[in-house]
Protein backbone atom coordinates (compact mmCIF):
# COMPACT_ATOMS: atom_id res chain seq x y z
CA MET A 1 213.30 129.78 82.59
CA ILE A 2 211.60 127.03 85.24
CA LYS A 3 214.15 125.31 87.40
CA PHE A 4 213.39 121.96 88.61
CA ALA A 5 214.28 123.02 91.77
CA ASP A 6 211.23 125.42 91.65
CA LYS A 7 208.79 124.71 94.93
CA ASN A 8 205.92 125.19 91.64
CA TYR A 9 207.43 123.22 89.30
CA ILE A 10 207.79 120.18 91.93
CA LEU A 11 204.52 120.49 93.10
CA LEU A 12 203.11 120.57 89.24
CA ALA A 13 204.95 117.55 88.41
CA ILE A 14 203.81 115.84 91.48
CA TYR A 15 200.40 116.77 90.30
CA PHE A 16 200.77 115.44 86.71
CA ILE A 17 202.21 112.16 87.80
CA LEU A 18 199.41 111.11 90.53
CA SER A 19 196.84 112.30 87.71
CA LEU A 20 198.77 109.97 85.21
CA VAL A 21 198.62 107.37 87.40
CA PHE A 22 195.15 107.81 89.64
CA TYR A 23 192.70 108.33 86.87
CA PRO A 24 193.57 104.92 85.44
CA VAL A 25 193.87 103.17 88.62
CA ILE A 26 190.15 104.95 89.23
CA TYR A 27 189.19 103.13 86.30
CA LEU A 28 191.05 99.23 86.85
CA TYR A 29 189.70 99.63 90.71
CA ASN A 30 186.24 100.17 89.64
CA ASN A 31 185.82 97.93 86.64
CA LYS A 32 187.66 94.86 88.42
CA TYR A 33 186.84 95.03 91.57
CA TYR A 34 183.70 97.38 92.62
CA PHE A 35 181.11 97.15 89.90
CA PRO A 36 179.87 93.54 89.09
CA LYS A 37 180.52 93.00 85.68
CA GLU A 38 176.70 91.69 84.78
CA ASP A 39 174.94 95.16 86.29
CA TYR A 40 176.30 97.83 84.37
CA ILE A 41 173.50 100.05 85.42
CA LYS A 42 175.35 100.99 89.00
CA TYR A 43 177.28 103.58 88.36
CA LEU A 44 178.65 105.68 91.50
CA GLU A 45 182.12 106.82 92.80
CA SER A 46 184.00 103.94 94.80
CA PRO A 47 185.44 104.42 98.18
CA ALA A 48 188.85 104.14 95.88
CA THR A 49 187.53 106.75 93.54
CA ILE A 50 186.60 109.44 96.59
CA ALA A 51 190.02 109.08 98.22
CA LEU A 52 192.33 109.12 95.16
CA LEU A 53 189.83 111.97 93.97
CA SER A 54 190.51 114.14 97.15
CA ILE A 55 193.85 113.71 96.79
CA LEU A 56 194.26 114.98 93.51
CA ILE A 57 191.84 117.87 94.34
CA ALA A 58 193.86 118.90 97.80
CA LEU A 59 196.88 118.76 96.10
CA PHE A 60 195.35 121.32 93.35
CA THR A 61 194.25 123.74 95.97
CA ILE A 62 197.54 123.55 97.38
CA ILE A 63 199.06 124.98 93.97
CA ILE A 64 196.65 126.92 92.80
CA ILE A 65 196.71 129.25 95.89
CA GLN A 66 200.15 129.59 95.83
CA LYS A 67 201.39 133.52 95.36
CA VAL A 68 203.02 133.33 92.18
CA ASN A 69 203.40 134.68 88.59
CA TRP A 70 202.14 132.06 86.86
CA GLN A 71 203.04 133.12 83.40
CA LYS A 72 205.98 131.62 83.22
CA TYR A 73 204.33 128.15 83.92
CA LEU A 74 202.31 129.02 81.06
CA LYS A 75 204.08 126.11 78.39
CA LEU A 76 204.36 123.91 81.57
CA ILE A 77 201.04 123.70 82.38
CA ILE A 78 199.85 123.26 78.93
CA ILE A 79 201.79 120.18 78.71
CA VAL A 80 200.53 118.84 81.45
CA PHE A 81 196.59 119.69 80.37
CA LEU A 82 196.85 118.02 77.08
CA LEU A 83 198.87 114.59 78.42
CA ILE A 84 196.23 114.09 81.15
CA SER A 85 193.22 115.05 78.64
CA SER A 86 194.63 112.69 75.96
CA ILE A 87 194.43 110.38 78.29
CA LEU A 88 191.24 110.52 79.98
CA ILE A 89 189.95 110.69 76.78
CA SER A 90 191.17 107.28 75.68
CA LEU A 91 189.75 105.70 78.94
CA PRO A 92 186.20 104.35 79.30
CA VAL A 93 183.47 105.87 81.56
CA VAL A 94 183.93 105.26 85.29
CA SER A 95 181.16 106.41 87.79
CA SER A 96 178.23 108.00 85.44
CA SER A 97 176.10 106.33 82.94
CA ASP A 98 174.70 109.51 81.75
CA ILE A 99 176.58 109.65 78.12
CA PHE A 100 175.18 106.45 77.56
CA GLN A 101 171.88 107.94 77.75
CA TYR A 102 173.02 110.92 75.12
CA ILE A 103 173.97 108.02 73.03
CA PHE A 104 170.68 105.60 73.69
CA HIS A 105 168.23 108.72 72.95
CA ALA A 106 170.63 109.83 69.58
CA LYS A 107 169.76 105.90 68.52
CA ILE A 108 166.07 106.16 69.12
CA TYR A 109 166.27 109.03 66.54
CA ASN A 110 168.52 107.89 64.25
CA GLN A 111 168.33 104.35 64.40
CA TYR A 112 164.88 103.62 65.12
CA LYS A 113 163.51 106.86 63.71
CA GLN A 114 161.49 107.80 66.65
CA ASN A 115 161.18 110.83 69.41
CA PRO A 116 163.49 110.65 72.32
CA TYR A 117 161.46 112.81 73.72
CA THR A 118 157.99 110.82 73.59
CA LEU A 119 159.43 107.34 74.14
CA TYR A 120 161.66 105.95 76.95
CA PRO A 121 164.89 103.60 76.52
CA TYR A 122 162.62 100.66 78.22
CA GLN A 123 161.03 100.67 74.62
CA PHE A 124 163.80 98.61 72.79
CA PRO A 125 164.32 96.14 74.81
CA ASP A 126 166.77 94.40 72.42
CA ASP A 127 168.83 96.94 72.08
CA ILE A 128 172.44 96.33 73.65
CA LEU A 129 173.20 99.47 74.95
CA LEU A 130 170.17 99.44 77.19
CA ASP A 131 172.11 97.09 79.46
CA LYS A 132 174.36 100.56 80.35
CA VAL A 133 171.56 103.02 81.09
CA SER A 134 170.57 103.23 84.46
CA ASP A 135 167.46 105.72 84.11
CA ARG A 136 165.50 103.56 81.48
CA GLN A 137 162.31 105.15 82.28
CA ILE A 138 162.58 108.20 81.35
CA THR A 139 162.81 110.31 78.16
CA ALA A 140 165.12 113.09 76.76
CA ILE A 141 165.76 115.26 79.72
CA TYR A 142 168.21 117.50 77.90
CA GLY A 143 167.62 121.16 75.98
CA PRO A 144 167.44 120.19 72.06
CA VAL A 145 170.49 121.57 71.14
CA TRP A 146 172.11 118.68 73.32
CA THR A 147 169.91 116.32 71.94
CA LEU A 148 170.27 117.68 67.86
CA ILE A 149 174.65 117.37 68.50
CA SER A 150 174.20 113.75 70.42
CA ILE A 151 172.06 112.75 67.20
CA GLY A 152 175.10 114.33 64.86
CA LEU A 153 177.83 112.52 66.86
CA ASN A 154 176.19 109.56 66.89
CA LYS A 155 175.98 109.61 62.85
CA ILE A 156 179.69 109.95 62.54
CA SER A 157 180.60 107.36 64.63
CA MET A 158 178.31 104.68 62.76
CA ASN A 159 177.12 103.00 66.11
CA ASP A 160 180.32 102.44 66.75
CA LEU A 161 179.79 102.92 71.14
CA GLU A 162 183.21 103.34 71.94
CA LEU A 163 183.41 105.40 69.55
CA ASN A 164 180.90 107.43 70.17
CA VAL A 165 181.95 107.91 73.54
CA MET A 166 185.30 109.23 72.28
CA LEU A 167 183.89 112.00 70.06
CA ILE A 168 181.66 113.01 73.10
CA LYS A 169 184.77 113.51 75.08
CA ILE A 170 186.56 114.94 72.13
CA LEU A 171 183.88 117.92 71.95
CA ASN A 172 184.16 118.06 75.79
CA PHE A 173 187.93 118.56 75.50
CA ILE A 174 186.86 121.33 72.74
CA PHE A 175 184.57 123.40 74.67
CA ILE A 176 186.85 123.02 77.94
CA ILE A 177 189.77 125.05 75.39
CA LEU A 178 187.29 127.63 74.03
CA THR A 179 185.99 128.25 77.60
CA ALA A 180 189.22 128.48 79.27
CA LEU A 181 190.29 130.76 76.05
CA LEU A 182 187.09 133.15 77.08
CA ILE A 183 188.28 133.30 80.93
CA PHE A 184 191.56 134.72 79.65
CA LYS A 185 189.99 137.21 77.88
CA ILE A 186 187.49 138.42 80.44
CA ALA A 187 189.41 137.77 83.76
CA LYS A 188 191.68 140.91 85.08
CA PRO A 189 194.99 141.65 83.28
CA ASN A 190 196.93 140.59 86.79
CA GLU A 191 194.85 137.61 87.37
CA LYS A 192 194.54 136.00 83.57
CA TYR A 193 197.26 133.03 83.93
CA LEU A 194 195.74 132.09 87.60
CA ALA A 195 192.24 132.46 86.56
CA LEU A 196 192.89 129.82 83.57
CA PHE A 197 195.19 127.52 85.19
CA PHE A 198 192.33 127.70 87.84
CA PHE A 199 189.70 126.08 85.31
CA ILE A 200 192.05 123.89 82.89
CA LEU A 201 194.01 122.14 86.07
CA ASN A 202 190.75 121.64 88.04
CA PRO A 203 190.59 117.83 88.74
CA ILE A 204 187.06 117.73 88.80
CA ILE A 205 187.15 119.74 85.09
CA PHE A 206 189.19 116.32 84.39
CA TYR A 207 186.74 114.12 86.20
CA GLU A 208 183.24 115.04 85.20
CA PHE A 209 184.24 115.94 81.71
CA LEU A 210 186.95 114.38 80.31
CA LEU A 211 186.64 111.28 82.30
CA ASP A 212 182.87 110.93 83.04
CA GLY A 213 181.55 112.80 79.48
CA HIS A 214 179.37 114.77 81.53
CA ASN A 215 177.86 117.86 78.88
CA ASP A 216 177.65 120.43 81.40
CA ILE A 217 180.99 121.81 80.02
CA ALA A 218 178.49 122.80 76.84
CA MET A 219 176.02 124.22 78.92
CA ILE A 220 179.08 126.35 80.47
CA PHE A 221 180.38 127.39 77.48
CA PHE A 222 177.50 129.41 76.27
CA ILE A 223 176.97 131.16 79.46
CA VAL A 224 181.01 132.13 79.62
CA LEU A 225 180.24 133.22 76.27
CA ALA A 226 177.64 135.20 77.55
CA ILE A 227 179.57 136.95 79.77
CA TYR A 228 182.58 138.03 77.33
CA LEU A 229 179.93 139.20 75.04
CA LEU A 230 178.77 141.72 77.76
CA LYS A 231 182.48 142.94 78.71
CA THR A 232 183.16 143.66 74.98
CA LYS A 233 179.65 145.10 74.65
CA LYS A 234 178.75 143.06 72.06
CA TYR A 235 175.02 143.13 73.62
CA PHE A 236 172.95 141.72 70.66
CA TRP A 237 174.29 138.32 70.87
CA ILE A 238 174.39 137.70 74.64
CA LEU A 239 170.48 136.54 74.88
CA PRO A 240 171.17 134.21 71.85
CA ALA A 241 173.83 132.76 73.75
CA SER A 242 171.70 132.09 76.88
CA THR A 243 169.67 130.32 74.77
CA LEU A 244 172.01 128.15 73.31
CA SER A 245 172.92 127.65 76.61
CA ILE A 246 169.82 127.03 78.33
CA LEU A 247 168.68 124.85 75.23
CA ILE A 248 171.56 122.28 75.85
CA LYS A 249 170.60 121.79 79.51
CA PRO A 250 167.88 123.94 81.51
CA LEU A 251 170.00 124.52 84.59
CA THR A 252 171.04 127.93 83.44
CA ILE A 253 167.44 129.23 82.64
CA ILE A 254 168.21 130.56 86.92
CA LEU A 255 170.77 132.94 85.38
CA LEU A 256 168.60 134.08 82.48
CA PRO A 257 166.89 137.20 84.75
CA ILE A 258 169.74 138.45 85.50
CA ILE A 259 171.71 138.71 82.26
CA PHE A 260 167.85 140.12 80.67
CA LEU A 261 168.56 142.75 83.05
CA TYR A 262 171.44 143.54 82.57
CA LEU A 263 170.96 143.32 78.82
CA ILE A 264 167.88 146.44 79.14
CA LYS A 265 170.55 148.55 81.28
CA ARG A 266 173.42 148.61 79.12
CA THR A 267 171.37 148.52 75.48
CA ASN A 268 168.44 150.49 73.57
CA LEU A 269 165.50 148.95 73.15
CA SER A 270 165.36 148.15 69.53
CA ASN A 271 168.66 145.62 69.98
CA VAL A 272 166.86 144.17 73.30
CA ILE A 273 163.93 143.54 70.79
CA SER A 274 165.92 141.84 67.85
CA SER A 275 168.05 140.12 70.10
CA ILE A 276 165.04 138.50 71.63
CA ILE A 277 163.24 137.61 68.30
CA LEU A 278 166.61 135.63 67.13
CA SER A 279 166.45 133.89 70.48
CA ILE A 280 163.05 132.89 70.11
CA ILE A 281 163.80 131.93 66.40
CA ILE A 282 166.83 129.86 67.93
CA PHE A 283 164.75 128.16 70.21
CA ILE A 284 161.53 127.35 67.63
CA LEU A 285 164.02 125.77 65.25
CA SER A 286 165.93 123.84 67.66
CA TRP A 287 162.56 122.07 69.06
CA LEU A 288 161.09 121.65 65.35
CA PRO A 289 162.55 117.85 65.05
CA PHE A 290 160.77 117.03 68.20
CA TYR A 291 158.11 118.94 69.60
CA GLN A 292 154.82 116.68 69.61
CA GLY A 293 152.72 118.70 71.84
CA ILE A 294 152.84 119.02 76.03
CA GLU A 295 153.79 115.08 75.61
CA THR A 296 157.19 115.96 74.68
CA LEU A 297 158.08 117.78 77.97
CA LYS A 298 156.98 115.06 79.99
CA GLY A 299 161.09 113.45 80.99
CA PHE A 300 161.52 117.31 82.42
CA LYS A 301 158.18 117.23 84.19
CA LYS A 302 158.93 113.90 85.32
CA ILE A 303 162.97 114.54 86.85
CA SER A 304 161.35 117.94 88.15
CA SER A 305 159.14 115.38 90.54
CA GLN A 306 162.18 113.46 91.78
CA ALA A 307 164.07 114.80 94.62
CA SER A 308 168.07 113.82 95.23
CA HIS A 309 169.43 116.89 97.73
CA PRO A 310 171.39 116.32 101.17
CA LEU A 311 168.54 118.96 103.06
CA LEU A 312 165.54 117.27 101.34
CA TYR A 313 167.32 113.35 102.57
CA LEU A 314 166.53 115.44 106.17
CA THR A 315 162.69 115.33 105.69
CA ASN A 316 163.64 111.66 105.93
CA LEU A 317 165.11 112.12 109.54
CA PHE A 318 162.54 114.77 110.89
CA ASN A 319 159.54 113.13 109.69
CA LEU A 320 158.49 116.53 107.38
CA ASN A 321 156.03 116.66 104.26
CA LEU A 322 158.57 116.25 101.03
CA TYR A 323 156.30 118.15 99.05
CA TYR A 324 155.84 120.95 101.42
CA THR A 325 159.45 121.36 101.92
CA LYS A 326 160.37 121.37 98.28
CA ILE A 327 157.60 124.61 98.21
CA ALA A 328 159.79 126.07 101.80
CA MET A 329 162.69 126.36 99.72
CA LEU A 330 161.85 127.31 96.28
CA ILE A 331 159.53 130.24 98.07
CA PHE A 332 163.14 131.51 99.86
CA PHE A 333 164.66 131.13 96.78
CA ILE A 334 162.57 133.10 94.99
CA ILE A 335 162.12 136.04 97.76
CA ILE A 336 166.20 135.87 98.08
CA TYR A 337 166.14 136.06 94.03
CA LEU A 338 163.70 139.33 94.12
CA VAL A 339 166.08 141.19 96.75
CA VAL A 340 169.27 140.71 94.43
CA ILE A 341 166.99 142.17 91.48
CA ILE A 342 165.90 145.40 93.21
CA TYR A 343 169.52 145.14 94.74
CA ILE A 344 170.61 145.74 90.96
CA LEU A 345 168.31 148.04 89.50
CA ASN A 346 168.98 150.75 92.75
CA ILE A 347 172.54 150.39 92.21
CA LYS A 348 175.13 152.22 89.71
CA ARG A 349 178.46 149.94 89.47
CA HIS A 350 177.79 146.44 90.54
CA SER A 351 179.75 142.93 89.15
CA PHE A 352 177.78 141.52 86.41
CA THR A 353 179.94 138.29 87.79
CA ASN A 354 179.50 138.45 91.28
CA PHE A 355 175.14 137.85 90.70
CA LEU A 356 175.50 135.23 88.38
CA LEU A 357 178.14 133.43 91.01
CA PHE A 358 175.49 134.37 94.19
CA ILE A 359 172.20 133.07 92.27
CA SER A 360 174.03 129.83 91.00
CA ILE A 361 175.27 129.00 94.41
CA LEU A 362 172.12 129.72 95.88
CA PHE A 363 170.04 127.54 93.63
CA LEU A 364 172.54 124.64 93.80
CA LEU A 365 172.53 124.26 97.77
CA ILE A 366 168.26 125.38 98.09
CA ALA A 367 166.38 125.20 95.30
CA SER A 368 168.12 122.31 92.56
CA PHE A 369 165.96 119.65 94.13
CA TRP A 370 168.15 117.30 91.88
CA LEU A 371 171.53 117.73 92.72
CA GLN A 372 174.57 116.11 91.59
CA PRO A 373 178.20 116.81 92.28
CA TRP A 374 178.90 117.91 88.66
CA TYR A 375 176.12 120.67 88.42
CA LEU A 376 179.01 122.85 91.05
CA THR A 377 181.01 122.83 87.55
CA ILE A 378 179.11 125.75 86.47
CA LEU A 379 180.55 127.60 89.69
CA ILE A 380 184.01 126.95 88.24
CA PRO A 381 184.28 129.34 85.66
CA LEU A 382 182.55 131.67 87.31
CA ILE A 383 185.23 131.78 90.39
CA ALA A 384 187.70 131.95 88.06
CA VAL A 385 186.90 134.83 86.38
CA LYS A 386 185.89 136.52 89.74
CA ILE A 387 189.51 135.57 90.62
CA PRO A 388 189.55 132.84 92.69
CA ASN A 389 190.09 133.57 96.22
CA ASN A 390 191.10 131.08 98.78
CA LYS A 391 187.59 130.70 100.63
CA LEU A 392 185.23 129.90 97.38
CA VAL A 393 188.03 127.44 96.09
CA TYR A 394 188.17 126.09 100.22
CA SER A 395 184.40 125.60 99.55
CA LEU A 396 183.91 124.00 96.01
CA ASN A 397 186.23 121.99 96.18
CA ILE A 398 184.75 120.41 100.58
CA VAL A 399 181.18 121.10 98.65
CA TYR A 400 182.44 118.73 95.88
CA LEU A 401 183.44 115.57 98.00
CA LEU A 402 181.48 115.89 100.42
CA LEU A 403 178.30 115.46 97.57
CA ILE A 404 180.02 112.94 96.35
CA VAL A 405 180.29 110.59 99.82
CA TYR A 406 176.73 111.93 100.35
CA GLY A 407 175.81 110.00 97.10
CA PHE A 408 177.83 107.17 97.79
CA LEU A 409 176.63 106.66 101.37
CA ALA A 410 172.86 107.15 99.91
CA ASP A 411 173.50 104.30 97.52
CA ASN A 412 175.11 102.08 100.17
CA LEU A 413 174.42 102.32 103.71
CA ILE A 414 171.31 105.04 104.22
CA ILE A 415 168.84 103.54 101.31
């Protein structure tokens, strides 16, 4: 029985109340005062967003580092999660136009009967949704599985924009629940509830997936599923799950060598070959509706040539060559990655999740030349499974907020 005087109950109640107030305030402030109504393609975090989100993250951090029996708060936290989620799903997008990008690419396929991987949004100037799309001169840059999902949701919505946005958020909500259940099953028995709460009550999860509707949670679900399959020794399905993750958003391709290495160490060759064949079939089938030769990949090529990373901004300050700086960062990442692989090959007992977490952090900080705050969300389930210790929690939250501030400064003061 939870008493009202319980300190953690009070902290959770404050967090819940502030969440109910802050997220609508963020939307109302941004919509009325910050974003000019005639310019819908300018999406970024406002000073109010940064301030209010920082308060929520700080309060959440105070709650999660408490050394208590979290199991007794299970019902309360589920209620808090469901209520906050329902409000965020109903609110419009606040600081990102990515969700409109998903919908526009789906419309290119559904409404215009064209290929979103070869045609640009600006080629459809009469579409009223174009005003909300920021990257008008880039083709689809997400994996074909996500594009197929977007096409399906767009068909269901019958081109009703508000319904389409809500359907994507509802899908994200489902993926959050499924990922949370997997985290609960993967985590150590005495840390299951802490791991669960660290994920489902995280303000970064709420903000990025349920308010702004980023698709990373679908990618995250399948990579967490791969971890669960490894733990339960269902080796055959690990590569297909990882392939689906990559086919939603290619970011997790960096984890594939470690996943494959663990697979060949844990199961027989015939099982590995069968798993590879199924993964190839999934890959081919998902690309069949879109593939038109090398031109299909031009969006991926363009985005890989762009740069949005705090370390790369330093090249401007010190007059360094951007191309050679990117090459140097990539080489450094590859060297460290090879060292990790050699280490895994030469040690008997090691944590699969720890290496996935380490490589993810290394890639995001060094070799991800296009780095956005929501990319850090892939670290949250990996930290949750590892047992969220204070240093990791502090570091994640600080880097996330710094990236938001950097994006604001880059768009308003530096450039």
